[in-house]
Amino acid sequence: MNIWWKAGLPVAVAVVLALIPPPAGLPQHAWYYFAIFAGVIIGLMFEPLPGGAIGLIGITLVVVLANHVYLSPEQVAKAGSKWPAEAIRWGLSGFSNTTVWLIFGAFMFAMGYEKTGLGRRIALLLVRAMGRKTLTLGYAITVADVILAPFTPSNTARSGGTIFPVIKNLPPLYDSKPNDPSARRIGGYLMWTALAATCVTSSMFLTALAPNLLALELAQKTVKIEYSWMQWFAAFAPVGILLLIAVPLLAYFLYPPEVKSGEEVPKWAGGELAKMGPVTPREWTLAILVVVALSLWIFGGAYVDATTAALIVIALMLVAGVVTWEDVTANKQAWNTLAWFATLVALADGLNRVGFVKWLADVIAGHMAGVPPIAAMIVLVLVFYFLHYMFASVTAHVTALLPVMLTVGSTVPGMPMQQFAGALLLTLGIMGILTPYATGPSPVYYGSGYIPSGKFWQLGAIFGVIYIVALLVIGLPWVAVRG
């Protein structure tokens, strides 16, 4: 009965929305598309089927009904009786998205750590040094992300490809297993802390998130606003430092681990390390390849993008025998996440293609007339931030909405544009905490099996509100004071 209720709710939401007349100014086909999109989001929240299956169903519905939900009447008339082949090309476009394959690469790295035993060795070393308290493990993960963030413009590479493969080996040491009630022992806490920390560092450093650089370029072109690397850091530092100190504690109290401490665990870890013996050749090989990946991610951005770097290292892992092709094809979790995120990327892109995003931006602009500039700034920042529920990519969010929001803000008399633009730009990293698909590392931690779907959405909403309130209450006045 429970599964039928979960399966029926997304369908009911989509049907009810489709039966309601579209809002003024929005084409009928765009409203139908939004109805399907809303149904998919509800399905992802309650998961009557795996996420990848829900995304595939949503894509298939849009492709089959393309003449009614994807193409405008003018486009349908132009196509005539010919089947709209562009619909299936759009439906499959997510599988060519570079972030999708970088996420897949993160799972391959994690598998390499597991197959060689290097991940277990590093985890044991970490536990031996800091395992007396679960909270100190949370801070160790946070510090690791802070160290890597300024030099790694892909948070997927940084957190999903470097930190996740290591911490994935920690929960089993405490008998905490994925997709099991024991996941709450410590695994859920560690995974959520890692994601929450990388979202903060992604906003703290200009070079910690690739869309930051794109957003800065768009801000310069749209309203002639510029930020240097240090100006960006200084603007977010009071908020970021406070949040980084608070994140492990917040996770500790809002999603408390069952294992708080254990004096015997570090001793046991030392004994297990002794049993493992010296580092094996396969472990050394993987360690060298990981250093290669990190070097390319940190220093090779001008020559090779993060996804290409990940694929190069995966190919070398196969050549060197670190993993086998059978290992790759047998990794169901990685392939499921790839299908899930690829379909979501396409579905989110469709909102922009059918004109829904532009219509929504126009509606917002229409309601800003006569609103005081500070109030208008706060409203626009909140709208920009929470609209990320509709996007599976920060890059897509920036491309679709940032120029619109900046233009709307510039029409408000007395709007302090430097402060307003800075507030919009600094939300890009922290908005990644909102959903399981909000930013690159999100599907990695969501797919780990340590945080149930409902709890992931709940924590995302709670932390999302905490992050944006901190930015508005602390960050906005600070930016205003600094000028």
Protein backbone atom coordinates (compact mmCIF):
# COMPACT_ATOMS: atom_id res chain seq x y z
CA MET A 1 0.00 0.00 0.00
CA ASN A 2 2.82 2.39 0.88
CA ILE A 3 4.47 1.99 -2.54
CA TRP A 4 1.18 2.66 -4.36
CA TRP A 5 0.66 5.85 -2.38
CA LYS A 6 4.16 7.02 -3.25
CA ALA A 7 3.68 6.12 -6.92
CA GLY A 8 0.27 7.79 -7.15
CA LEU A 9 1.26 11.14 -5.65
CA PRO A 10 3.64 12.27 -8.48
CA VAL A 11 1.05 11.27 -11.09
CA ALA A 12 -1.70 13.11 -9.22
CA VAL A 13 0.39 16.28 -8.92
CA ALA A 14 1.23 16.23 -12.64
CA VAL A 15 -2.38 15.60 -13.70
CA VAL A 16 -3.88 18.23 -11.38
CA LEU A 17 -1.40 20.88 -12.56
CA ALA A 18 -2.03 19.98 -16.21
CA LEU A 19 -5.79 20.40 -15.73
CA ILE A 20 -5.37 23.90 -14.28
CA PRO A 21 -5.34 26.65 -16.93
CA PRO A 22 -1.86 28.10 -17.45
CA PRO A 23 -1.01 31.41 -15.76
CA ALA A 24 -1.32 34.54 -17.87
CA GLY A 25 1.51 34.90 -20.36
CA LEU A 26 2.68 31.28 -20.17
CA PRO A 27 2.05 29.09 -23.26
CA GLN A 28 -0.04 25.98 -22.73
CA HIS A 29 2.75 23.60 -23.82
CA ALA A 30 5.17 25.16 -21.29
CA TRP A 31 2.60 24.70 -18.51
CA TYR A 32 2.16 21.03 -19.47
CA TYR A 33 5.93 20.64 -19.40
CA PHE A 34 6.09 22.17 -15.92
CA ALA A 35 3.38 19.76 -14.75
CA ILE A 36 5.51 16.79 -15.80
CA PHE A 37 8.60 18.36 -14.25
CA ALA A 38 6.77 18.91 -10.94
CA GLY A 39 5.61 15.29 -10.98
CA VAL A 40 9.20 14.11 -11.48
CA ILE A 41 10.40 16.23 -8.54
CA ILE A 42 7.68 14.81 -6.27
CA GLY A 43 8.67 11.33 -7.45
CA LEU A 44 12.29 11.99 -6.56
CA MET A 45 11.25 13.15 -3.10
CA PHE A 46 9.24 10.00 -2.28
CA GLU A 47 11.05 7.48 -4.53
CA PRO A 48 8.44 4.87 -5.46
CA LEU A 49 11.12 3.82 -7.99
CA PRO A 50 14.87 4.49 -8.12
CA GLY A 51 15.80 8.04 -9.13
CA GLY A 52 17.20 6.98 -12.49
CA ALA A 53 13.94 5.24 -13.39
CA ILE A 54 11.86 8.29 -12.43
CA GLY A 55 14.06 10.58 -14.54
CA LEU A 56 13.83 8.19 -17.50
CA ILE A 57 10.03 8.06 -17.23
CA GLY A 58 9.88 11.87 -17.16
CA ILE A 59 12.12 12.21 -20.21
CA THR A 60 10.14 9.56 -22.10
CA LEU A 61 6.83 11.29 -21.36
CA VAL A 62 8.14 14.59 -22.71
CA VAL A 63 9.61 12.98 -25.83
CA VAL A 64 6.44 10.99 -26.61
CA LEU A 65 4.22 14.06 -26.00
CA ALA A 66 6.71 16.48 -27.57
CA ASN A 67 4.13 18.07 -29.88
CA HIS A 68 2.08 19.08 -26.83
CA VAL A 69 4.58 19.72 -24.03
CA TYR A 70 7.95 20.50 -25.63
CA LEU A 71 7.26 22.25 -28.94
CA SER A 72 5.16 25.37 -29.41
CA PRO A 73 2.22 25.24 -31.89
CA GLU A 74 4.35 27.25 -34.33
CA GLN A 75 7.15 24.70 -34.11
CA VAL A 76 4.69 21.84 -34.56
CA ALA A 77 3.19 23.50 -37.65
CA LYS A 78 6.63 24.01 -39.12
CA ALA A 79 7.55 20.35 -38.54
CA GLY A 80 4.30 19.18 -40.18
CA SER A 81 3.68 15.46 -39.91
CA LYS A 82 7.35 14.74 -39.35
CA TRP A 83 8.19 13.35 -35.92
CA PRO A 84 10.14 15.96 -33.91
CA ALA A 85 13.53 14.25 -33.86
CA GLU A 86 14.97 17.15 -31.88
CA ALA A 87 12.90 16.00 -28.90
CA ILE A 88 14.81 12.73 -28.52
CA ARG A 89 18.10 14.53 -29.12
CA TRP A 90 17.18 16.85 -26.27
CA GLY A 91 16.08 13.91 -24.11
CA LEU A 92 19.47 12.25 -24.48
CA SER A 93 21.48 15.48 -24.21
CA GLY A 94 22.12 15.00 -20.49
CA PHE A 95 24.29 11.98 -21.27
CA SER A 96 26.78 14.28 -22.99
CA ASN A 97 26.96 16.65 -20.03
CA THR A 98 30.50 16.84 -18.65
CA THR A 99 29.42 17.12 -14.99
CA VAL A 100 27.40 13.92 -15.32
CA TRP A 101 30.51 12.02 -16.40
CA LEU A 102 32.62 13.67 -13.74
CA ILE A 103 30.17 12.35 -11.14
CA PHE A 104 30.52 8.92 -12.73
CA GLY A 105 34.29 9.30 -12.48
CA ALA A 106 33.97 9.99 -8.75
CA PHE A 107 32.32 6.59 -8.31
CA MET A 108 35.12 4.95 -10.29
CA PHE A 109 37.73 6.58 -8.05
CA ALA A 110 35.83 5.34 -5.00
CA MET A 111 35.82 1.83 -6.45
CA GLY A 112 39.58 2.03 -6.99
CA TYR A 113 40.13 2.96 -3.35
CA GLU A 114 37.97 0.01 -2.32
CA LYS A 115 39.51 -2.58 -4.69
CA THR A 116 43.12 -1.76 -3.83
CA GLY A 117 42.56 -1.32 -0.09
CA LEU A 118 44.05 2.18 -0.19
CA GLY A 119 40.78 3.73 0.95
CA ARG A 120 40.61 1.41 3.92
CA ARG A 121 44.23 2.15 4.82
CA ILE A 122 43.67 5.94 4.70
CA ALA A 123 40.44 5.56 6.67
CA LEU A 124 42.21 3.50 9.32
CA LEU A 125 44.96 6.11 9.59
CA LEU A 126 42.34 8.84 9.97
CA VAL A 127 40.45 6.85 12.59
CA ARG A 128 43.62 6.08 14.51
CA ALA A 129 44.49 9.78 14.64
CA MET A 130 41.04 11.36 15.14
CA GLY A 131 38.58 8.54 15.70
CA ARG A 132 38.06 9.03 19.41
CA LYS A 133 35.31 11.54 18.62
CA THR A 134 32.89 11.45 15.70
CA LEU A 135 32.75 15.24 15.77
CA THR A 136 36.50 15.56 15.18
CA LEU A 137 36.12 13.35 12.11
CA GLY A 138 33.56 15.84 10.82
CA TYR A 139 36.03 18.67 11.28
CA ALA A 140 38.79 16.66 9.59
CA ILE A 141 36.58 16.30 6.50
CA THR A 142 35.76 20.01 6.54
CA VAL A 143 39.40 21.07 6.82
CA ALA A 144 40.36 18.76 3.95
CA ASP A 145 37.80 20.47 1.70
CA VAL A 146 38.97 23.96 2.74
CA ILE A 147 42.57 23.07 1.84
CA LEU A 148 41.62 21.79 -1.62
CA ALA A 149 38.91 24.33 -2.48
CA PRO A 150 40.95 27.37 -3.63
CA PHE A 151 42.79 25.25 -6.19
CA THR A 152 40.00 22.97 -7.44
CA PRO A 153 37.36 24.74 -9.57
CA SER A 154 35.21 21.61 -9.70
CA ASN A 155 33.50 20.75 -6.42
CA THR A 156 32.60 17.41 -7.99
CA ALA A 157 36.29 16.63 -8.49
CA ARG A 158 37.21 18.02 -5.08
CA SER A 159 34.53 16.44 -2.93
CA GLY A 160 33.03 13.71 -5.09
CA GLY A 161 36.29 12.55 -6.63
CA THR A 162 38.78 13.12 -3.81
CA ILE A 163 37.08 13.28 -0.40
CA PHE A 164 34.15 10.91 -0.93
CA PRO A 165 36.26 7.93 -2.04
CA VAL A 166 38.22 8.21 1.21
CA ILE A 167 35.42 8.79 3.71
CA LYS A 168 33.33 6.07 2.05
CA ASN A 169 35.68 3.65 3.78
CA LEU A 170 35.07 5.07 7.27
CA PRO A 171 31.48 3.92 8.07
CA PRO A 172 32.19 0.18 7.65
CA LEU A 173 34.88 0.50 10.30
CA TYR A 174 32.10 1.39 12.74
CA ASP A 175 29.75 -1.31 11.40
CA SER A 176 27.69 1.37 9.62
CA LYS A 177 26.37 0.05 6.30
CA PRO A 178 24.63 1.78 3.35
CA ASN A 179 20.92 1.20 2.70
CA ASP A 180 20.62 -0.28 6.17
CA PRO A 181 19.36 0.97 9.55
CA SER A 182 23.00 0.96 10.69
CA ALA A 183 23.71 3.78 8.20
CA ARG A 184 22.69 6.18 10.96
CA ARG A 185 25.48 4.97 13.25
CA ILE A 186 28.05 7.27 11.63
CA GLY A 187 27.81 7.06 7.84
CA GLY A 188 24.94 9.51 7.43
CA TYR A 189 26.66 12.13 9.58
CA LEU A 190 29.96 11.91 7.71
CA MET A 191 28.35 12.04 4.26
CA TRP A 192 26.14 15.01 5.09
CA THR A 193 28.99 16.92 6.72
CA ALA A 194 31.15 16.44 3.63
CA LEU A 195 28.42 17.76 1.30
CA ALA A 196 27.50 20.66 3.59
CA ALA A 197 31.16 21.70 3.88
CA THR A 198 31.88 21.64 0.15
CA CYS A 199 28.83 23.82 -0.55
CA VAL A 200 30.23 26.48 1.80
CA THR A 201 33.75 26.37 0.35
CA SER A 202 32.24 26.57 -3.15
CA SER A 203 30.88 30.00 -2.25
CA MET A 204 33.92 31.10 -0.26
CA PHE A 205 36.49 30.96 -3.06
CA LEU A 206 36.02 32.31 -6.59
CA THR A 207 38.06 29.38 -7.94
CA ALA A 208 36.28 26.68 -5.90
CA LEU A 209 33.34 26.40 -8.31
CA ALA A 210 33.51 26.80 -12.09
CA PRO A 211 30.11 28.57 -12.37
CA ASN A 212 31.49 31.31 -10.09
CA LEU A 213 33.79 32.37 -12.91
CA LEU A 214 30.99 32.21 -15.46
CA ALA A 215 28.73 34.25 -13.18
CA LEU A 216 31.39 36.90 -12.68
CA GLU A 217 31.78 37.23 -16.45
CA LEU A 218 28.01 37.56 -16.92
CA ALA A 219 27.82 40.18 -14.15
CA GLN A 220 30.55 42.20 -15.83
CA LYS A 221 28.80 42.04 -19.21
CA THR A 222 25.30 42.69 -17.84
CA VAL A 223 25.82 45.44 -15.24
CA LYS A 224 29.58 46.14 -15.38
CA ILE A 225 30.24 44.69 -11.90
CA GLU A 226 33.64 43.11 -11.18
CA TYR A 227 35.15 41.21 -8.24
CA SER A 228 38.78 40.19 -7.84
CA TRP A 229 39.70 36.87 -6.20
CA MET A 230 40.45 38.62 -2.88
CA GLN A 231 37.33 40.80 -3.04
CA TRP A 232 35.23 37.69 -3.53
CA PHE A 233 36.90 35.91 -0.61
CA ALA A 234 36.69 38.96 1.67
CA ALA A 235 32.99 39.42 0.86
CA PHE A 236 32.07 35.87 1.89
CA ALA A 237 34.70 35.22 4.57
CA PRO A 238 32.65 36.31 7.64
CA VAL A 239 29.77 34.09 6.53
CA GLY A 240 31.95 31.24 5.27
CA ILE A 241 34.24 30.98 8.29
CA LEU A 242 31.25 30.99 10.66
CA LEU A 243 29.46 28.32 8.62
CA LEU A 244 32.55 26.10 8.32
CA ILE A 245 32.95 26.20 12.09
CA ALA A 246 29.26 25.48 12.55
CA VAL A 247 28.66 22.81 9.87
CA PRO A 248 30.07 19.76 11.72
CA LEU A 249 28.26 20.89 14.88
CA LEU A 250 24.99 21.57 13.06
CA ALA A 251 25.09 18.16 11.42
CA TYR A 252 26.00 16.63 14.78
CA PHE A 253 22.83 18.01 16.38
CA LEU A 254 20.42 18.00 13.44
CA TYR A 255 21.40 14.54 12.17
CA PRO A 256 23.20 13.06 15.17
CA PRO A 257 25.34 9.95 14.72
CA GLU A 258 24.63 7.06 17.04
CA VAL A 259 28.35 6.52 17.60
CA LYS A 260 29.69 9.56 19.46
CA SER A 261 33.08 8.27 20.56
CA GLY A 262 35.04 5.13 21.21
CA GLU A 263 38.43 4.79 22.81
CA GLU A 264 38.71 1.21 21.63
CA VAL A 265 38.18 2.09 17.97
CA PRO A 266 41.54 3.88 17.42
CA LYS A 267 43.32 0.96 19.06
CA TRP A 268 41.48 -1.48 16.84
CA ALA A 269 42.36 0.66 13.79
CA GLY A 270 46.04 0.44 14.72
CA GLY A 271 45.77 -3.34 14.91
CA GLU A 272 44.04 -3.53 11.52
CA LEU A 273 46.79 -1.40 9.97
CA ALA A 274 49.37 -3.79 11.32
CA LYS A 275 47.47 -6.69 9.74
CA MET A 276 47.39 -4.93 6.36
CA GLY A 277 51.16 -4.74 6.31
CA PRO A 278 53.13 -2.38 4.06
CA VAL A 279 51.55 -0.48 1.17
CA THR A 280 51.08 -2.76 -1.85
CA PRO A 281 52.14 -1.92 -5.43
CA ARG A 282 48.49 -1.53 -6.47
CA GLU A 283 47.94 0.97 -3.67
CA TRP A 284 51.03 2.93 -4.74
CA THR A 285 49.79 2.92 -8.33
CA LEU A 286 46.39 4.27 -7.34
CA ALA A 287 48.00 6.87 -5.07
CA ILE A 288 50.13 8.12 -7.97
CA LEU A 289 47.10 8.26 -10.27
CA VAL A 290 45.14 10.19 -7.64
CA VAL A 291 47.98 12.72 -7.42
CA VAL A 292 47.88 12.98 -11.22
CA ALA A 293 44.14 13.66 -11.11
CA LEU A 294 44.52 16.26 -8.37
CA SER A 295 47.35 17.96 -10.25
CA LEU A 296 45.27 18.16 -13.42
CA TRP A 297 42.23 19.43 -11.52
CA ILE A 298 44.23 22.07 -9.64
CA PHE A 299 46.82 23.22 -12.17
CA GLY A 300 45.68 21.89 -15.55
CA GLY A 301 42.45 23.85 -15.96
CA ALA A 302 43.89 25.92 -18.81
CA TYR A 303 44.77 22.77 -20.76
CA VAL A 304 42.28 20.06 -19.85
CA ASP A 305 38.84 20.23 -18.22
CA ALA A 306 38.03 18.32 -15.03
CA THR A 307 35.98 15.61 -16.75
CA THR A 308 38.68 14.84 -19.31
CA ALA A 309 41.21 14.61 -16.48
CA ALA A 310 38.97 12.13 -14.66
CA LEU A 311 38.51 9.99 -17.80
CA ILE A 312 42.29 9.99 -18.39
CA VAL A 313 42.91 8.69 -14.88
CA ILE A 314 40.15 6.08 -15.16
CA ALA A 315 41.70 4.85 -18.40
CA LEU A 316 45.08 4.63 -16.67
CA MET A 317 43.48 2.73 -13.79
CA LEU A 318 42.24 0.16 -16.30
CA VAL A 319 45.59 -0.06 -18.11
CA ALA A 320 47.49 -0.44 -14.83
CA GLY A 321 45.12 -3.11 -13.55
CA VAL A 322 43.97 -1.06 -10.55
CA VAL A 323 40.42 -1.96 -11.61
CA THR A 324 39.07 -4.19 -14.37
CA TRP A 325 36.44 -3.47 -16.98
CA GLU A 326 34.26 -6.07 -15.25
CA ASP A 327 34.53 -3.95 -12.08
CA VAL A 328 33.38 -0.90 -14.03
CA THR A 329 30.40 -2.58 -15.68
CA ALA A 330 29.36 -4.21 -12.40
CA ASN A 331 29.19 -0.90 -10.50
CA LYS A 332 25.41 -0.55 -10.54
CA GLN A 333 25.46 2.46 -8.24
CA ALA A 334 27.63 4.46 -10.63
CA TRP A 335 25.54 3.63 -13.71
CA ASN A 336 22.29 4.30 -11.86
CA THR A 337 23.54 7.71 -10.74
CA LEU A 338 24.72 8.54 -14.26
CA ALA A 339 21.27 7.76 -15.71
CA TRP A 340 19.50 9.63 -12.91
CA PHE A 341 21.53 12.81 -13.13
CA ALA A 342 21.68 12.82 -16.97
CA THR A 343 17.88 12.74 -17.23
CA LEU A 344 17.53 15.47 -14.60
CA VAL A 345 19.98 17.74 -16.41
CA ALA A 346 17.90 17.43 -19.57
CA LEU A 347 14.60 17.95 -17.75
CA ALA A 348 15.88 21.08 -16.01
CA ASP A 349 17.23 22.40 -19.32
CA GLY A 350 13.80 21.87 -20.83
CA LEU A 351 12.26 24.42 -18.45
CA ASN A 352 14.42 27.06 -20.08
CA ARG A 353 13.81 25.79 -23.63
CA VAL A 354 10.01 25.95 -23.35
CA GLY A 355 10.18 29.49 -21.96
CA PHE A 356 9.04 28.74 -18.40
CA VAL A 357 12.13 30.32 -16.78
CA LYS A 358 11.83 33.54 -18.82
CA TRP A 359 8.12 33.81 -18.03
CA LEU A 360 8.82 33.39 -14.32
CA ALA A 361 11.53 36.05 -14.42
CA ASP A 362 9.15 38.46 -16.16
CA VAL A 363 6.51 37.84 -13.49
CA ILE A 364 9.02 38.59 -10.76
CA ALA A 365 10.12 41.79 -12.48
CA GLY A 366 6.50 42.92 -12.73
CA HIS A 367 6.05 42.64 -8.98
CA MET A 368 9.14 44.69 -8.14
CA ALA A 369 7.64 48.04 -9.14
CA GLY A 370 7.49 50.41 -6.16
CA VAL A 371 9.34 48.05 -3.80
CA PRO A 372 12.10 49.74 -1.69
CA PRO A 373 15.59 48.81 -2.98
CA ILE A 374 16.77 46.85 0.09
CA ALA A 375 13.51 44.89 0.27
CA ALA A 376 13.68 44.27 -3.49
CA MET A 377 17.27 43.05 -3.13
CA ILE A 378 16.36 40.55 -0.42
CA VAL A 379 13.32 39.27 -2.35
CA LEU A 380 15.29 38.86 -5.59
CA VAL A 381 18.16 37.07 -3.83
CA LEU A 382 15.69 34.69 -2.13
CA VAL A 383 13.87 34.01 -5.40
CA PHE A 384 17.16 33.43 -7.25
CA TYR A 385 18.35 31.09 -4.49
CA PHE A 386 15.24 28.94 -4.06
CA LEU A 387 14.57 28.69 -7.79
CA HIS A 388 17.53 26.33 -7.76
CA TYR A 389 15.04 23.61 -6.83
CA MET A 390 14.23 23.68 -10.56
CA PHE A 391 17.82 23.23 -11.75
CA ALA A 392 20.14 20.22 -11.81
CA SER A 393 23.18 22.35 -12.61
CA VAL A 394 24.55 25.56 -11.10
CA THR A 395 25.92 26.43 -14.54
CA ALA A 396 22.45 26.14 -16.08
CA HIS A 397 21.01 28.20 -13.22
CA VAL A 398 23.59 30.95 -13.75
CA THR A 399 23.13 31.00 -17.51
CA ALA A 400 19.32 31.11 -17.38
CA LEU A 401 18.64 33.36 -14.41
CA LEU A 402 21.60 35.53 -13.42
CA PRO A 403 21.42 38.03 -16.33
CA VAL A 404 17.65 38.27 -15.86
CA MET A 405 17.91 38.94 -12.11
CA LEU A 406 20.69 41.48 -12.58
CA THR A 407 18.64 43.28 -15.22
CA VAL A 408 15.54 43.28 -13.01
CA GLY A 409 17.59 44.65 -10.10
CA SER A 410 19.04 47.42 -12.23
CA THR A 411 15.53 48.72 -12.96
CA VAL A 412 14.78 49.24 -9.24
CA PRO A 413 15.49 52.90 -8.32
CA GLY A 414 18.25 53.21 -5.74
CA MET A 415 19.34 49.58 -5.95
CA PRO A 416 22.99 49.25 -4.73
CA MET A 417 24.11 47.12 -7.66
CA GLN A 418 27.57 46.14 -6.34
CA GLN A 419 25.99 44.80 -3.17
CA PHE A 420 23.11 43.16 -5.04
CA ALA A 421 25.34 41.50 -7.63
CA GLY A 422 27.67 40.26 -4.87
CA ALA A 423 24.75 38.73 -2.96
CA LEU A 424 23.59 36.84 -6.06
CA LEU A 425 27.08 35.61 -6.90
CA LEU A 426 27.81 34.39 -3.38
CA THR A 427 24.73 32.14 -3.32
CA LEU A 428 26.01 29.86 -6.08
CA GLY A 429 27.94 27.45 -3.87
CA ILE A 430 25.59 27.31 -0.89
CA MET A 431 22.52 26.66 -3.06
CA GLY A 432 24.07 23.26 -3.82
CA ILE A 433 22.82 22.02 -0.44
CA LEU A 434 19.12 22.26 -1.38
CA THR A 435 18.45 19.03 -3.31
CA PRO A 436 20.02 15.68 -4.20
CA TYR A 437 20.69 17.05 -7.69
CA ALA A 438 21.58 20.68 -6.88
CA THR A 439 25.33 20.45 -7.52
CA GLY A 440 27.87 17.91 -8.75
CA PRO A 441 28.73 16.17 -5.46
CA SER A 442 25.08 15.94 -4.35
CA PRO A 443 24.23 12.80 -6.37
CA VAL A 444 27.46 11.20 -5.15
CA TYR A 445 26.55 11.54 -1.48
CA TYR A 446 22.88 10.89 -2.15
CA GLY A 447 23.81 7.73 -4.01
CA SER A 448 26.06 6.53 -1.20
CA GLY A 449 23.08 4.92 0.51
CA TYR A 450 23.83 6.48 3.90
CA ILE A 451 21.16 9.21 3.88
CA PRO A 452 17.53 8.21 3.14
CA SER A 453 15.76 10.23 0.45
CA GLY A 454 13.27 11.93 2.76
CA LYS A 455 15.96 12.88 5.25
CA PHE A 456 18.18 14.24 2.45
CA TRP A 457 15.41 16.60 1.28
CA GLN A 458 14.64 17.62 4.86
CA LEU A 459 18.26 18.36 5.74
CA GLY A 460 18.71 20.18 2.43
CA ALA A 461 15.81 22.51 3.26
CA ILE A 462 17.03 23.14 6.83
CA PHE A 463 20.66 23.80 5.88
CA GLY A 464 19.53 25.75 2.82
CA VAL A 465 17.57 28.16 5.02
CA ILE A 466 20.45 28.44 7.52
CA TYR A 467 22.92 29.23 4.73
CA ILE A 468 20.83 31.90 3.02
CA VAL A 469 19.84 33.55 6.32
CA ALA A 470 23.52 33.72 7.30
CA LEU A 471 24.33 35.36 3.96
CA LEU A 472 21.52 37.91 4.23
CA VAL A 473 22.00 38.73 7.92
CA ILE A 474 25.81 38.76 8.01
CA GLY A 475 27.00 38.91 4.42
CA LEU A 476 24.83 41.72 3.04
CA PRO A 477 25.65 44.24 5.80
CA TRP A 478 29.34 43.28 5.56
CA VAL A 479 29.41 43.87 1.81
CA ALA A 480 27.61 47.19 2.32
CA VAL A 481 30.15 48.31 4.95
CA ARG A 482 33.09 47.33 2.75
CA GLY A 483 31.58 49.14 -0.21
